[in-house]
Amino acid sequence: MPFSALFTSPVAIASFTAWFLAQLLKVPVKYLRTKEWDWALLASAGGMPSSHSALMTAVTVSIGHYHGFDSPVFVLALAIAGVVIYDATGVRRQAGLQAKRLNLLINDLIKLKTWPHGEELKDLREMIGHTWGEALGGVLFGLAVSIVVWLIIPVHG
């Protein structure tokens, strides 16, 4: 498949559109919740909606639309989407919660002056996973984008 297919394949169009727009949506969604603009979310792996979930849902549903919901490729995409979403809400979420606790612990040790002097520390990234609500938001967003693309670019038959 040539590189140009990324710009003409409806599956690729739906997938990357869902990912890109979900990533963009994180900024105004956070603003509505906190009244603060957080532009770092544009490059963040966490937040609402989950761009990983949006991407994988758009890939999976678009494969179903264009190649059949009974195709082996759809089943493979569905399995991979399940693993990615489970990982985002499970392993990566737990890693983020552990990072948050470690950052608190280290900051307390620094305040108590029990942390070795001269060692520079950077906080661990805390937002690397998703809540189930953020993942569900990504799934619904990816589903919507894939349906819109399917309506705009119908199956050629």
N, C-alpha and C. Protein backbone atom coordinates (compact mmCIF):
# COMPACT_ATOMS: atom_id res chain seq x y z
N MET A 1 0.85 -1.17 0.00
CA MET A 1 0.00 0.00 0.00
C MET A 1 0.90 1.24 0.00
N PRO A 2 0.71 2.10 -0.96
CA PRO A 2 1.54 3.31 -1.02
C PRO A 2 1.17 4.29 0.09
N PHE A 3 2.13 5.17 0.40
CA PHE A 3 1.94 6.17 1.44
C PHE A 3 0.71 7.04 1.17
N SER A 4 0.44 7.30 -0.10
CA SER A 4 -0.70 8.15 -0.46
C SER A 4 -2.04 7.56 -0.02
N ALA A 5 -2.07 6.24 0.23
CA ALA A 5 -3.31 5.60 0.68
C ALA A 5 -3.74 6.12 2.04
N LEU A 6 -2.79 6.63 2.82
CA LEU A 6 -3.15 7.21 4.11
C LEU A 6 -4.08 8.40 3.96
N PHE A 7 -4.04 9.03 2.81
CA PHE A 7 -4.86 10.22 2.57
C PHE A 7 -6.11 9.90 1.78
N THR A 8 -6.23 8.68 1.26
CA THR A 8 -7.40 8.32 0.46
C THR A 8 -8.20 7.17 1.06
N SER A 9 -7.61 6.39 1.94
CA SER A 9 -8.31 5.27 2.56
C SER A 9 -9.32 5.80 3.58
N PRO A 10 -10.60 5.46 3.44
CA PRO A 10 -11.58 5.93 4.42
C PRO A 10 -11.29 5.42 5.84
N VAL A 11 -10.69 4.24 5.95
CA VAL A 11 -10.34 3.72 7.28
C VAL A 11 -9.27 4.62 7.91
N ALA A 12 -8.26 4.97 7.11
CA ALA A 12 -7.19 5.84 7.62
C ALA A 12 -7.74 7.24 7.92
N ILE A 13 -8.57 7.75 7.06
CA ILE A 13 -9.15 9.09 7.27
C ILE A 13 -9.94 9.12 8.57
N ALA A 14 -10.82 8.15 8.78
CA ALA A 14 -11.62 8.10 10.00
C ALA A 14 -10.74 7.94 11.23
N SER A 15 -9.76 7.07 11.13
CA SER A 15 -8.90 6.76 12.28
C SER A 15 -8.09 7.97 12.73
N PHE A 16 -7.38 8.58 11.79
CA PHE A 16 -6.51 9.69 12.17
C PHE A 16 -7.31 10.95 12.48
N THR A 17 -8.48 11.12 11.86
CA THR A 17 -9.34 12.24 12.20
C THR A 17 -9.85 12.10 13.63
N ALA A 18 -10.28 10.90 14.00
CA ALA A 18 -10.77 10.66 15.36
C ALA A 18 -9.66 10.91 16.38
N TRP A 19 -8.46 10.40 16.10
CA TRP A 19 -7.34 10.60 17.02
C TRP A 19 -7.01 12.09 17.17
N PHE A 20 -6.85 12.78 16.04
CA PHE A 20 -6.45 14.18 16.05
C PHE A 20 -7.50 15.05 16.74
N LEU A 21 -8.77 14.87 16.39
CA LEU A 21 -9.82 15.70 16.99
C LEU A 21 -10.01 15.39 18.48
N ALA A 22 -9.88 14.13 18.87
CA ALA A 22 -9.98 13.78 20.29
C ALA A 22 -8.85 14.44 21.08
N GLN A 23 -7.66 14.45 20.48
CA GLN A 23 -6.52 15.09 21.14
C GLN A 23 -6.79 16.60 21.29
N LEU A 24 -7.33 17.22 20.26
CA LEU A 24 -7.67 18.65 20.33
C LEU A 24 -8.76 18.94 21.36
N LEU A 25 -9.74 18.05 21.45
CA LEU A 25 -10.87 18.26 22.36
C LEU A 25 -10.47 18.27 23.83
N LYS A 26 -9.35 17.65 24.15
CA LYS A 26 -8.93 17.58 25.55
C LYS A 26 -8.76 18.97 26.17
N VAL A 27 -8.29 19.92 25.38
CA VAL A 27 -8.03 21.27 25.91
C VAL A 27 -9.33 21.97 26.32
N PRO A 28 -10.34 22.10 25.43
CA PRO A 28 -11.57 22.76 25.88
C PRO A 28 -12.35 21.97 26.92
N VAL A 29 -12.29 20.64 26.87
CA VAL A 29 -12.99 19.84 27.89
C VAL A 29 -12.40 20.13 29.27
N LYS A 30 -11.08 20.17 29.36
CA LYS A 30 -10.44 20.48 30.65
C LYS A 30 -10.76 21.92 31.06
N TYR A 31 -10.80 22.83 30.09
CA TYR A 31 -11.13 24.23 30.41
C TYR A 31 -12.54 24.32 31.02
N LEU A 32 -13.49 23.58 30.45
CA LEU A 32 -14.86 23.61 30.97
C LEU A 32 -14.92 23.08 32.41
N ARG A 33 -14.03 22.16 32.76
CA ARG A 33 -14.02 21.59 34.10
C ARG A 33 -13.25 22.44 35.10
N THR A 34 -12.16 23.09 34.65
CA THR A 34 -11.28 23.78 35.59
C THR A 34 -11.19 25.29 35.38
N LYS A 35 -11.69 25.78 34.25
CA LYS A 35 -11.58 27.20 33.86
C LYS A 35 -10.12 27.62 33.66
N GLU A 36 -9.26 26.66 33.35
CA GLU A 36 -7.86 26.94 33.03
C GLU A 36 -7.49 26.26 31.73
N TRP A 37 -6.77 26.98 30.87
CA TRP A 37 -6.29 26.40 29.61
C TRP A 37 -5.03 25.60 29.88
N ASP A 38 -5.01 24.35 29.42
CA ASP A 38 -3.85 23.48 29.60
C ASP A 38 -3.43 22.96 28.23
N TRP A 39 -2.56 23.73 27.56
CA TRP A 39 -2.15 23.39 26.20
C TRP A 39 -1.26 22.16 26.15
N ALA A 40 -0.70 21.77 27.28
CA ALA A 40 0.13 20.56 27.32
C ALA A 40 -0.69 19.31 27.01
N LEU A 41 -2.01 19.40 27.16
CA LEU A 41 -2.87 18.26 26.85
C LEU A 41 -2.82 17.87 25.38
N LEU A 42 -2.40 18.81 24.52
CA LEU A 42 -2.30 18.48 23.10
C LEU A 42 -1.32 17.34 22.84
N ALA A 43 -0.36 17.18 23.73
CA ALA A 43 0.64 16.12 23.58
C ALA A 43 0.56 15.12 24.73
N SER A 44 -0.57 15.08 25.40
CA SER A 44 -0.72 14.24 26.58
C SER A 44 -1.34 12.89 26.25
N ALA A 45 -0.99 11.89 27.05
CA ALA A 45 -1.56 10.55 26.87
C ALA A 45 -2.80 10.33 27.72
N GLY A 46 -3.17 11.27 28.56
CA GLY A 46 -4.35 11.12 29.40
C GLY A 46 -5.37 12.18 29.07
N GLY A 47 -6.46 12.20 29.79
CA GLY A 47 -7.48 13.23 29.63
C GLY A 47 -8.71 12.75 28.89
N MET A 48 -9.70 13.65 28.81
CA MET A 48 -11.00 13.36 28.22
C MET A 48 -11.13 14.08 26.89
N PRO A 49 -11.50 13.42 25.82
CA PRO A 49 -11.70 11.97 25.68
C PRO A 49 -10.38 11.26 25.40
N SER A 50 -10.38 9.97 25.60
CA SER A 50 -9.19 9.17 25.30
C SER A 50 -8.98 9.12 23.79
N SER A 51 -7.87 9.68 23.33
CA SER A 51 -7.58 9.66 21.89
C SER A 51 -7.18 8.25 21.45
N HIS A 52 -6.60 7.46 22.36
CA HIS A 52 -6.28 6.06 22.03
C HIS A 52 -7.57 5.28 21.76
N SER A 53 -8.56 5.48 22.63
CA SER A 53 -9.84 4.79 22.46
C SER A 53 -10.57 5.28 21.21
N ALA A 54 -10.49 6.58 20.94
CA ALA A 54 -11.12 7.13 19.74
C ALA A 54 -10.48 6.55 18.49
N LEU A 55 -9.15 6.52 18.45
CA LEU A 55 -8.42 5.97 17.31
C LEU A 55 -8.78 4.51 17.08
N MET A 56 -8.69 3.71 18.12
CA MET A 56 -8.92 2.27 17.95
C MET A 56 -10.38 1.96 17.61
N THR A 57 -11.31 2.72 18.16
CA THR A 57 -12.71 2.51 17.82
C THR A 57 -12.97 2.89 16.37
N ALA A 58 -12.42 4.03 15.94
CA ALA A 58 -12.60 4.46 14.55
C ALA A 58 -11.98 3.45 13.57
N VAL A 59 -10.79 2.94 13.89
CA VAL A 59 -10.16 1.92 13.06
C VAL A 59 -11.07 0.70 12.95
N THR A 60 -11.50 0.22 14.09
CA THR A 60 -12.28 -1.02 14.15
C THR A 60 -13.61 -0.89 13.43
N VAL A 61 -14.36 0.15 13.74
CA VAL A 61 -15.68 0.32 13.12
C VAL A 61 -15.55 0.61 11.63
N SER A 62 -14.54 1.38 11.25
CA SER A 62 -14.34 1.66 9.82
C SER A 62 -13.97 0.39 9.05
N ILE A 63 -13.15 -0.44 9.64
CA ILE A 63 -12.84 -1.73 9.00
C ILE A 63 -14.13 -2.53 8.82
N GLY A 64 -14.97 -2.51 9.83
CA GLY A 64 -16.27 -3.19 9.71
C GLY A 64 -17.10 -2.62 8.59
N HIS A 65 -17.18 -1.29 8.50
CA HIS A 65 -17.98 -0.66 7.44
C HIS A 65 -17.45 -0.98 6.04
N TYR A 66 -16.15 -0.90 5.87
CA TYR A 66 -15.57 -1.00 4.52
C TYR A 66 -15.11 -2.40 4.13
N HIS A 67 -14.88 -3.27 5.11
CA HIS A 67 -14.38 -4.61 4.78
C HIS A 67 -15.27 -5.72 5.34
N GLY A 68 -16.29 -5.34 6.08
CA GLY A 68 -17.24 -6.31 6.61
C GLY A 68 -17.02 -6.60 8.09
N PHE A 69 -18.11 -6.62 8.82
CA PHE A 69 -18.04 -6.91 10.25
C PHE A 69 -17.79 -8.40 10.50
N ASP A 70 -17.82 -9.19 9.43
CA ASP A 70 -17.51 -10.61 9.55
C ASP A 70 -16.11 -10.95 9.04
N SER A 71 -15.33 -9.91 8.71
CA SER A 71 -13.99 -10.17 8.18
C SER A 71 -13.01 -10.45 9.32
N PRO A 72 -11.99 -11.29 9.05
CA PRO A 72 -10.97 -11.56 10.06
C PRO A 72 -10.22 -10.29 10.49
N VAL A 73 -10.08 -9.33 9.57
CA VAL A 73 -9.38 -8.09 9.91
C VAL A 73 -10.18 -7.29 10.94
N PHE A 74 -11.52 -7.31 10.82
CA PHE A 74 -12.35 -6.63 11.82
C PHE A 74 -12.18 -7.28 13.19
N VAL A 75 -12.17 -8.61 13.23
CA VAL A 75 -12.01 -9.32 14.49
C VAL A 75 -10.65 -8.99 15.12
N LEU A 76 -9.61 -8.96 14.29
CA LEU A 76 -8.28 -8.59 14.78
C LEU A 76 -8.28 -7.17 15.34
N ALA A 77 -8.87 -6.24 14.60
CA ALA A 77 -8.94 -4.85 15.07
C ALA A 77 -9.72 -4.74 16.37
N LEU A 78 -10.81 -5.50 16.48
CA LEU A 78 -11.62 -5.49 17.70
C LEU A 78 -10.80 -5.99 18.89
N ALA A 79 -10.04 -7.06 18.67
CA ALA A 79 -9.20 -7.60 19.75
C ALA A 79 -8.13 -6.60 20.16
N ILE A 80 -7.48 -5.98 19.20
CA ILE A 80 -6.44 -5.00 19.52
C ILE A 80 -7.04 -3.78 20.22
N ALA A 81 -8.21 -3.34 19.77
CA ALA A 81 -8.87 -2.21 20.42
C ALA A 81 -9.17 -2.54 21.87
N GLY A 82 -9.64 -3.74 22.12
CA GLY A 82 -9.92 -4.17 23.50
C GLY A 82 -8.68 -4.13 24.36
N VAL A 83 -7.56 -4.61 23.83
CA VAL A 83 -6.31 -4.61 24.58
C VAL A 83 -5.85 -3.18 24.86
N VAL A 84 -5.91 -2.31 23.85
CA VAL A 84 -5.45 -0.92 24.01
C VAL A 84 -6.30 -0.20 25.05
N ILE A 85 -7.62 -0.35 24.97
CA ILE A 85 -8.51 0.35 25.90
C ILE A 85 -8.35 -0.22 27.31
N TYR A 86 -8.24 -1.53 27.43
CA TYR A 86 -8.02 -2.14 28.74
C TYR A 86 -6.70 -1.67 29.34
N ASP A 87 -5.67 -1.62 28.51
CA ASP A 87 -4.36 -1.16 28.98
C ASP A 87 -4.42 0.29 29.45
N ALA A 88 -5.12 1.14 28.69
CA ALA A 88 -5.21 2.56 29.04
C ALA A 88 -5.93 2.77 30.37
N THR A 89 -6.95 1.96 30.64
CA THR A 89 -7.72 2.12 31.87
C THR A 89 -7.20 1.26 33.01
N GLY A 90 -6.33 0.33 32.71
CA GLY A 90 -5.81 -0.57 33.73
C GLY A 90 -4.37 -0.26 34.07
N VAL A 91 -3.45 -0.84 33.31
CA VAL A 91 -2.03 -0.74 33.60
C VAL A 91 -1.54 0.71 33.59
N ARG A 92 -1.85 1.45 32.50
CA ARG A 92 -1.37 2.83 32.41
C ARG A 92 -2.03 3.70 33.47
N ARG A 93 -3.29 3.47 33.78
CA ARG A 93 -3.99 4.24 34.81
C ARG A 93 -3.32 4.00 36.17
N GLN A 94 -3.05 2.74 36.48
CA GLN A 94 -2.40 2.41 37.75
C GLN A 94 -1.00 3.01 37.83
N ALA A 95 -0.27 2.99 36.73
CA ALA A 95 1.07 3.59 36.71
C ALA A 95 0.98 5.09 37.02
N GLY A 96 -0.03 5.75 36.49
CA GLY A 96 -0.21 7.17 36.76
C GLY A 96 -0.56 7.44 38.22
N LEU A 97 -1.41 6.59 38.80
CA LEU A 97 -1.76 6.75 40.21
C LEU A 97 -0.55 6.50 41.10
N GLN A 98 0.27 5.51 40.75
CA GLN A 98 1.49 5.26 41.51
C GLN A 98 2.46 6.43 41.40
N ALA A 99 2.58 7.01 40.20
CA ALA A 99 3.46 8.17 40.01
C ALA A 99 3.01 9.33 40.90
N LYS A 100 1.70 9.52 40.99
CA LYS A 100 1.17 10.61 41.83
C LYS A 100 1.57 10.40 43.29
N ARG A 101 1.45 9.17 43.78
CA ARG A 101 1.81 8.88 45.18
C ARG A 101 3.31 9.00 45.40
N LEU A 102 4.10 8.53 44.44
CA LEU A 102 5.55 8.66 44.56
C LEU A 102 5.98 10.13 44.59
N ASN A 103 5.36 10.95 43.74
CA ASN A 103 5.68 12.38 43.73
C ASN A 103 5.37 13.00 45.09
N LEU A 104 4.23 12.65 45.68
CA LEU A 104 3.88 13.17 47.01
C LEU A 104 4.90 12.72 48.06
N LEU A 105 5.27 11.45 48.02
CA LEU A 105 6.22 10.91 48.98
C LEU A 105 7.58 11.59 48.87
N ILE A 106 8.06 11.73 47.65
CA ILE A 106 9.37 12.37 47.44
C ILE A 106 9.33 13.83 47.86
N ASN A 107 8.24 14.53 47.54
CA ASN A 107 8.13 15.93 47.96
C ASN A 107 8.11 16.05 49.48
N ASP A 108 7.45 15.11 50.17
CA ASP A 108 7.47 15.11 51.63
C ASP A 108 8.88 14.87 52.16
N LEU A 109 9.62 13.95 51.54
CA LEU A 109 10.99 13.68 51.97
C LEU A 109 11.89 14.89 51.75
N ILE A 110 11.67 15.60 50.66
CA ILE A 110 12.46 16.81 50.40
C ILE A 110 12.15 17.87 51.46
N LYS A 111 10.88 18.04 51.81
CA LYS A 111 10.49 19.02 52.84
C LYS A 111 11.10 18.67 54.20
N LEU A 112 11.20 17.38 54.47
CA LEU A 112 11.78 16.94 55.74
C LEU A 112 13.31 16.92 55.72
N LYS A 113 13.85 17.29 54.57
CA LYS A 113 15.30 17.34 54.36
C LYS A 113 15.95 15.97 54.56
N THR A 114 15.22 14.92 54.21
CA THR A 114 15.78 13.57 54.31
C THR A 114 16.14 13.01 52.94
N TRP A 115 15.90 13.79 51.90
CA TRP A 115 16.27 13.36 50.55
C TRP A 115 17.72 13.76 50.29
N PRO A 116 18.51 12.91 49.65
CA PRO A 116 19.92 13.24 49.41
C PRO A 116 20.08 14.58 48.71
N HIS A 117 20.95 15.43 49.26
CA HIS A 117 21.18 16.76 48.69
C HIS A 117 21.91 16.64 47.36
N GLY A 118 21.67 17.58 46.49
CA GLY A 118 22.36 17.65 45.23
C GLY A 118 21.74 16.79 44.14
N GLU A 119 20.79 15.95 44.48
CA GLU A 119 20.16 15.13 43.46
C GLU A 119 18.92 15.85 42.94
N GLU A 120 18.95 16.19 41.67
CA GLU A 120 17.83 16.91 41.07
C GLU A 120 16.75 15.92 40.68
N LEU A 121 15.51 16.25 41.02
CA LEU A 121 14.39 15.36 40.72
C LEU A 121 13.37 16.05 39.85
N LYS A 122 12.85 15.32 38.91
CA LYS A 122 11.70 15.78 38.14
C LYS A 122 10.53 14.92 38.55
N ASP A 123 9.36 15.55 38.66
CA ASP A 123 8.17 14.77 38.99
C ASP A 123 7.90 13.73 37.92
N LEU A 124 7.41 12.58 38.35
CA LEU A 124 6.99 11.55 37.40
C LEU A 124 5.69 11.99 36.73
N ARG A 125 5.51 11.60 35.48
CA ARG A 125 4.25 11.92 34.79
C ARG A 125 3.11 11.18 35.45
N GLU A 126 2.08 11.93 35.82
CA GLU A 126 0.96 11.33 36.55
C GLU A 126 -0.23 11.01 35.65
N MET A 127 -0.34 11.69 34.53
CA MET A 127 -1.51 11.51 33.68
C MET A 127 -1.11 10.69 32.45
N ILE A 128 -1.04 9.39 32.61
CA ILE A 128 -0.64 8.54 31.49
C ILE A 128 -1.72 7.51 31.16
N GLY A 129 -2.76 7.45 31.95
CA GLY A 129 -3.84 6.50 31.70
C GLY A 129 -5.17 7.22 31.66
N HIS A 130 -6.23 6.45 31.65
CA HIS A 130 -7.58 7.01 31.54
C HIS A 130 -8.52 6.37 32.55
N THR A 131 -9.51 7.14 32.98
CA THR A 131 -10.62 6.57 33.72
C THR A 131 -11.51 5.85 32.70
N TRP A 132 -12.42 5.02 33.22
CA TRP A 132 -13.35 4.35 32.30
C TRP A 132 -14.23 5.37 31.59
N GLY A 133 -14.56 6.48 32.25
CA GLY A 133 -15.36 7.53 31.61
C GLY A 133 -14.63 8.18 30.45
N GLU A 134 -13.34 8.45 30.62
CA GLU A 134 -12.53 9.03 29.54
C GLU A 134 -12.42 8.07 28.37
N ALA A 135 -12.24 6.78 28.68
CA ALA A 135 -12.16 5.76 27.62
C ALA A 135 -13.49 5.65 26.89
N LEU A 136 -14.60 5.67 27.64
CA LEU A 136 -15.92 5.61 27.02
C LEU A 136 -16.15 6.83 26.13
N GLY A 137 -15.72 8.00 26.60
CA GLY A 137 -15.82 9.21 25.77
C GLY A 137 -15.06 9.04 24.46
N GLY A 138 -13.88 8.44 24.52
CA GLY A 138 -13.10 8.19 23.32
C GLY A 138 -13.76 7.18 22.40
N VAL A 139 -14.33 6.13 22.98
CA VAL A 139 -15.03 5.11 22.19
C VAL A 139 -16.21 5.75 21.44
N LEU A 140 -17.02 6.52 22.16
CA LEU A 140 -18.19 7.16 21.53
C LEU A 140 -17.76 8.16 20.47
N PHE A 141 -16.69 8.90 20.74
CA PHE A 141 -16.20 9.88 19.76
C PHE A 141 -15.68 9.16 18.52
N GLY A 142 -14.89 8.11 18.69
CA GLY A 142 -14.38 7.34 17.56
C GLY A 142 -15.49 6.71 16.75
N LEU A 143 -16.52 6.23 17.42
CA LEU A 143 -17.68 5.66 16.74
C LEU A 143 -18.38 6.72 15.90
N ALA A 144 -18.57 7.90 16.47
CA ALA A 144 -19.22 8.99 15.73
C ALA A 144 -18.41 9.41 14.51
N VAL A 145 -17.11 9.57 14.67
CA VAL A 145 -16.26 9.97 13.54
C VAL A 145 -16.30 8.91 12.45
N SER A 146 -16.21 7.64 12.82
CA SER A 146 -16.21 6.58 11.80
C SER A 146 -17.55 6.54 11.05
N ILE A 147 -18.64 6.79 11.74
CA ILE A 147 -19.95 6.81 11.07
C ILE A 147 -20.06 8.00 10.13
N VAL A 148 -19.58 9.17 10.56
CA VAL A 148 -19.61 10.36 9.70
C VAL A 148 -18.78 10.12 8.43
N VAL A 149 -17.59 9.56 8.57
CA VAL A 149 -16.75 9.29 7.40
C VAL A 149 -17.44 8.27 6.50
N TRP A 150 -18.06 7.25 7.07
CA TRP A 150 -18.76 6.23 6.29
C TRP A 150 -19.93 6.84 5.52
N LEU A 151 -20.60 7.83 6.12
CA LEU A 151 -21.73 8.50 5.43
C LEU A 151 -21.22 9.41 4.30
N ILE A 152 -20.04 10.01 4.50
CA ILE A 152 -19.46 10.92 3.50
C ILE A 152 -18.80 10.13 2.36
N ILE A 153 -18.12 9.06 2.71
CA ILE A 153 -17.40 8.25 1.71
C ILE A 153 -18.05 6.86 1.70
N PRO A 154 -19.10 6.68 0.92
CA PRO A 154 -19.83 5.40 0.95
C PRO A 154 -19.00 4.25 0.37
N VAL A 155 -19.43 3.05 0.71
CA VAL A 155 -18.79 1.84 0.20
C VAL A 155 -19.01 1.78 -1.31
N HIS A 156 -17.93 1.53 -2.05
CA HIS A 156 -18.07 1.40 -3.50
C HIS A 156 -18.38 -0.05 -3.80
N GLY A 157 -19.44 -0.25 -4.56
CA GLY A 157 -19.85 -1.56 -4.69
C GLY A 157 -20.03 -2.29 -5.86
